[in-house]
Amino acid sequence: METVGIRELKRNLSEYLRSVKAGKKVLITDRKKEIAVIVPFRKFDDQGKILQLVREGVADWSGERPRGMSARIRSKGKSVSEAVVEDRR
C-alpha cells in the first residue's frame, strides 16, 4: 500500500487516482498520522456484500432470514422526519 501526505496527494491527485484505478490502495496521512485509505471501488449486489463479510469472518450467515429478531417496533405519533421538519420551522 502506497502512503502519501495530503499536500502530495493534492499536488498529484490524478496520478494517485490512476494508481487506485489500477487496483492499488493509497494510505493518506496528515503530519504522519494515518487518516484515510483510498481503495478501488467494487460494486457488489446485496448478496455479494454479505458473502464478502462472511469470507472476511465479520459475519456468519446461513443464507436464511435471521432468527430470533423481535418484531418491528411501531411508534405512535409523528415520524422522525416530521419531527425534524417541524423543529426546523
N, C-alpha and C. Protein backbone atom coordinates (compact mmCIF):
# COMPACT_ATOMS: atom_id res chain seq x y z
N MET A 1 0.85 -1.17 0.00
CA MET A 1 0.00 0.00 0.00
C MET A 1 0.90 1.24 0.00
N GLU A 2 0.59 2.13 -0.88
CA GLU A 2 1.35 3.36 -1.00
C GLU A 2 0.87 4.37 0.03
N THR A 3 1.79 5.13 0.63
CA THR A 3 1.46 6.14 1.63
C THR A 3 1.79 7.51 1.07
N VAL A 4 0.87 8.46 1.27
CA VAL A 4 1.06 9.81 0.75
C VAL A 4 0.46 10.83 1.71
N GLY A 5 1.13 11.96 1.85
CA GLY A 5 0.62 13.05 2.65
C GLY A 5 -0.42 13.85 1.89
N ILE A 6 -1.19 14.64 2.60
CA ILE A 6 -2.26 15.42 1.98
C ILE A 6 -1.74 16.37 0.90
N ARG A 7 -0.68 17.08 1.20
CA ARG A 7 -0.14 18.05 0.25
C ARG A 7 0.28 17.37 -1.05
N GLU A 8 0.98 16.24 -0.92
CA GLU A 8 1.43 15.49 -2.09
C GLU A 8 0.22 14.93 -2.85
N LEU A 9 -0.79 14.48 -2.14
CA LEU A 9 -1.99 13.96 -2.78
C LEU A 9 -2.67 15.05 -3.60
N LYS A 10 -2.80 16.24 -3.02
CA LYS A 10 -3.42 17.35 -3.75
C LYS A 10 -2.63 17.68 -5.01
N ARG A 11 -1.33 17.68 -4.89
CA ARG A 11 -0.46 18.05 -6.00
C ARG A 11 -0.55 17.05 -7.15
N ASN A 12 -0.69 15.76 -6.83
CA ASN A 12 -0.66 14.72 -7.86
C ASN A 12 -1.88 13.81 -7.77
N LEU A 13 -3.05 14.39 -7.57
CA LEU A 13 -4.26 13.60 -7.38
C LEU A 13 -4.54 12.65 -8.55
N SER A 14 -4.41 13.14 -9.76
CA SER A 14 -4.69 12.30 -10.93
C SER A 14 -3.79 11.07 -10.96
N GLU A 15 -2.54 11.24 -10.63
CA GLU A 15 -1.60 10.12 -10.61
C GLU A 15 -2.02 9.06 -9.58
N TYR A 16 -2.41 9.51 -8.39
CA TYR A 16 -2.83 8.57 -7.35
C TYR A 16 -4.15 7.89 -7.70
N LEU A 17 -5.05 8.63 -8.34
CA LEU A 17 -6.32 8.02 -8.75
C LEU A 17 -6.10 6.97 -9.83
N ARG A 18 -5.15 7.20 -10.74
CA ARG A 18 -4.80 6.18 -11.73
C ARG A 18 -4.27 4.93 -11.04
N SER A 19 -3.48 5.13 -10.01
CA SER A 19 -2.94 4.02 -9.25
C SER A 19 -4.05 3.22 -8.58
N VAL A 20 -5.02 3.92 -8.00
CA VAL A 20 -6.16 3.27 -7.35
C VAL A 20 -6.99 2.53 -8.41
N LYS A 21 -7.19 3.16 -9.55
CA LYS A 21 -7.96 2.54 -10.63
C LYS A 21 -7.30 1.25 -11.09
N ALA A 22 -5.97 1.20 -11.00
CA ALA A 22 -5.22 0.00 -11.39
C ALA A 22 -5.28 -1.09 -10.31
N GLY A 23 -5.94 -0.80 -9.17
CA GLY A 23 -6.14 -1.82 -8.15
C GLY A 23 -5.31 -1.63 -6.89
N LYS A 24 -4.53 -0.57 -6.81
CA LYS A 24 -3.69 -0.34 -5.63
C LYS A 24 -4.46 0.48 -4.59
N LYS A 25 -4.07 0.33 -3.33
CA LYS A 25 -4.63 1.13 -2.24
C LYS A 25 -3.67 2.25 -1.90
N VAL A 26 -4.20 3.40 -1.49
CA VAL A 26 -3.37 4.55 -1.13
C VAL A 26 -3.76 4.99 0.28
N LEU A 27 -2.77 5.01 1.17
CA LEU A 27 -2.97 5.45 2.55
C LEU A 27 -2.67 6.94 2.63
N ILE A 28 -3.63 7.72 3.14
CA ILE A 28 -3.48 9.18 3.26
C ILE A 28 -3.07 9.52 4.69
N THR A 29 -2.05 10.38 4.82
CA THR A 29 -1.59 10.79 6.14
C THR A 29 -1.66 12.31 6.28
N ASP A 30 -1.78 12.75 7.52
CA ASP A 30 -1.73 14.16 7.86
C ASP A 30 -0.72 14.30 8.99
N ARG A 31 0.42 14.88 8.68
CA ARG A 31 1.52 15.01 9.63
C ARG A 31 1.92 13.64 10.19
N LYS A 32 2.05 12.68 9.28
CA LYS A 32 2.46 11.30 9.56
C LYS A 32 1.44 10.50 10.37
N LYS A 33 0.23 11.04 10.52
CA LYS A 33 -0.84 10.31 11.20
C LYS A 33 -1.80 9.80 10.12
N GLU A 34 -2.08 8.49 10.15
CA GLU A 34 -2.96 7.88 9.16
C GLU A 34 -4.39 8.39 9.35
N ILE A 35 -5.00 8.88 8.25
CA ILE A 35 -6.35 9.42 8.37
C ILE A 35 -7.36 8.77 7.42
N ALA A 36 -6.89 8.18 6.31
CA ALA A 36 -7.84 7.60 5.36
C ALA A 36 -7.12 6.64 4.42
N VAL A 37 -7.92 5.83 3.75
CA VAL A 37 -7.40 4.93 2.73
C VAL A 37 -8.30 5.07 1.51
N ILE A 38 -7.69 5.24 0.35
CA ILE A 38 -8.44 5.23 -0.90
C ILE A 38 -8.28 3.84 -1.49
N VAL A 39 -9.41 3.19 -1.75
CA VAL A 39 -9.38 1.83 -2.29
C VAL A 39 -10.18 1.80 -3.59
N PRO A 40 -9.88 0.85 -4.46
CA PRO A 40 -10.65 0.74 -5.70
C PRO A 40 -12.12 0.43 -5.40
N PHE A 41 -13.00 1.00 -6.16
CA PHE A 41 -14.44 0.78 -6.00
C PHE A 41 -14.79 -0.58 -6.57
N ARG A 42 -15.55 -1.35 -5.78
CA ARG A 42 -16.04 -2.64 -6.25
C ARG A 42 -17.54 -2.67 -6.03
N LYS A 43 -18.26 -2.91 -7.09
CA LYS A 43 -19.72 -2.94 -7.00
C LYS A 43 -20.17 -4.35 -6.68
N PHE A 44 -20.94 -4.48 -5.60
CA PHE A 44 -21.47 -5.76 -5.18
C PHE A 44 -22.99 -5.68 -5.16
N ASP A 45 -23.61 -6.78 -5.42
CA ASP A 45 -25.03 -6.85 -5.14
C ASP A 45 -25.16 -7.15 -3.64
N ASP A 46 -26.36 -7.09 -3.11
CA ASP A 46 -26.53 -7.28 -1.67
C ASP A 46 -26.00 -8.62 -1.19
N GLN A 47 -26.28 -9.67 -1.93
CA GLN A 47 -25.81 -10.99 -1.51
C GLN A 47 -24.28 -11.05 -1.61
N GLY A 48 -23.72 -10.38 -2.61
CA GLY A 48 -22.27 -10.33 -2.75
C GLY A 48 -21.61 -9.65 -1.57
N LYS A 49 -22.24 -8.60 -1.06
CA LYS A 49 -21.72 -7.91 0.12
C LYS A 49 -21.72 -8.83 1.33
N ILE A 50 -22.82 -9.54 1.48
CA ILE A 50 -22.94 -10.45 2.61
C ILE A 50 -21.89 -11.54 2.53
N LEU A 51 -21.73 -12.11 1.34
CA LEU A 51 -20.74 -13.17 1.17
C LEU A 51 -19.32 -12.66 1.42
N GLN A 52 -19.05 -11.42 1.04
CA GLN A 52 -17.74 -10.82 1.30
C GLN A 52 -17.50 -10.71 2.81
N LEU A 53 -18.51 -10.27 3.57
CA LEU A 53 -18.38 -10.17 5.02
C LEU A 53 -18.17 -11.55 5.65
N VAL A 54 -18.85 -12.56 5.12
CA VAL A 54 -18.67 -13.92 5.62
C VAL A 54 -17.25 -14.40 5.36
N ARG A 55 -16.75 -14.15 4.14
CA ARG A 55 -15.37 -14.54 3.80
C ARG A 55 -14.35 -13.87 4.71
N GLU A 56 -14.61 -12.62 5.07
CA GLU A 56 -13.69 -11.87 5.93
C GLU A 56 -13.83 -12.26 7.40
N GLY A 57 -14.82 -13.08 7.72
CA GLY A 57 -15.02 -13.51 9.10
C GLY A 57 -15.76 -12.50 9.96
N VAL A 58 -16.30 -11.46 9.34
CA VAL A 58 -17.02 -10.43 10.07
C VAL A 58 -18.44 -10.88 10.38
N ALA A 59 -19.01 -11.69 9.48
CA ALA A 59 -20.40 -12.13 9.64
C ALA A 59 -20.47 -13.65 9.50
N ASP A 60 -21.55 -14.18 10.03
CA ASP A 60 -21.83 -15.60 9.91
C ASP A 60 -23.27 -15.71 9.42
N TRP A 61 -23.44 -16.30 8.23
CA TRP A 61 -24.76 -16.30 7.63
C TRP A 61 -25.03 -17.64 6.98
N SER A 62 -26.21 -18.20 7.21
CA SER A 62 -26.57 -19.48 6.62
C SER A 62 -27.40 -19.31 5.35
N GLY A 63 -27.67 -18.08 4.96
CA GLY A 63 -28.45 -17.81 3.76
C GLY A 63 -29.93 -17.66 4.03
N GLU A 64 -30.35 -17.82 5.27
CA GLU A 64 -31.76 -17.70 5.64
C GLU A 64 -31.99 -16.37 6.33
N ARG A 65 -33.27 -16.08 6.56
CA ARG A 65 -33.62 -14.89 7.31
C ARG A 65 -33.14 -15.05 8.75
N PRO A 66 -32.60 -14.00 9.36
CA PRO A 66 -32.11 -14.11 10.74
C PRO A 66 -33.22 -14.56 11.70
N ARG A 67 -32.86 -15.43 12.60
CA ARG A 67 -33.81 -15.92 13.59
C ARG A 67 -33.66 -15.13 14.88
N GLY A 68 -34.73 -15.13 15.68
CA GLY A 68 -34.65 -14.50 16.98
C GLY A 68 -34.83 -13.00 16.97
N MET A 69 -35.08 -12.44 15.80
CA MET A 69 -35.28 -10.99 15.74
C MET A 69 -36.69 -10.67 16.21
N SER A 70 -36.80 -9.68 17.05
CA SER A 70 -38.12 -9.29 17.52
C SER A 70 -38.86 -8.56 16.40
N ALA A 71 -40.15 -8.49 16.54
CA ALA A 71 -40.96 -7.79 15.55
C ALA A 71 -40.61 -6.31 15.56
N ARG A 72 -40.82 -5.66 14.45
CA ARG A 72 -40.53 -4.23 14.33
C ARG A 72 -41.38 -3.44 15.33
N ILE A 73 -40.77 -2.48 15.97
CA ILE A 73 -41.47 -1.65 16.95
C ILE A 73 -42.22 -0.56 16.21
N ARG A 74 -43.48 -0.50 16.43
CA ARG A 74 -44.32 0.53 15.81
C ARG A 74 -44.44 1.69 16.79
N SER A 75 -44.18 2.88 16.31
CA SER A 75 -44.30 4.03 17.19
C SER A 75 -45.58 4.79 16.88
N LYS A 76 -46.05 5.50 17.87
CA LYS A 76 -47.25 6.29 17.70
C LYS A 76 -46.84 7.75 17.56
N GLY A 77 -47.64 8.50 16.87
CA GLY A 77 -47.35 9.91 16.71
C GLY A 77 -46.56 10.19 15.44
N LYS A 78 -45.83 11.29 15.46
CA LYS A 78 -45.11 11.74 14.28
C LYS A 78 -43.89 10.88 14.00
N SER A 79 -43.52 10.84 12.73
CA SER A 79 -42.29 10.15 12.36
C SER A 79 -41.10 11.06 12.69
N VAL A 80 -39.94 10.50 12.68
CA VAL A 80 -38.74 11.28 12.98
C VAL A 80 -38.57 12.40 11.96
N SER A 81 -38.80 12.10 10.68
CA SER A 81 -38.64 13.13 9.66
C SER A 81 -39.62 14.27 9.85
N GLU A 82 -40.86 13.95 10.25
CA GLU A 82 -41.83 15.01 10.52
C GLU A 82 -41.40 15.87 11.71
N ALA A 83 -40.85 15.26 12.73
CA ALA A 83 -40.38 16.00 13.90
C ALA A 83 -39.22 16.92 13.53
N VAL A 84 -38.33 16.45 12.66
CA VAL A 84 -37.19 17.27 12.24
C VAL A 84 -37.66 18.46 11.44
N VAL A 85 -38.60 18.23 10.51
CA VAL A 85 -39.13 19.33 9.70
C VAL A 85 -39.82 20.34 10.59
N GLU A 86 -40.60 19.89 11.55
CA GLU A 86 -41.29 20.78 12.46
C GLU A 86 -40.29 21.60 13.30
N ASP A 87 -39.22 20.95 13.73
CA ASP A 87 -38.22 21.61 14.54
C ASP A 87 -37.48 22.69 13.76
N ARG A 88 -37.36 22.52 12.47
CA ARG A 88 -36.65 23.50 11.62
C ARG A 88 -37.48 24.76 11.38
N ARG A 89 -38.76 24.68 11.61
CA ARG A 89 -39.63 25.86 11.35
C ARG A 89 -39.49 26.88 12.43
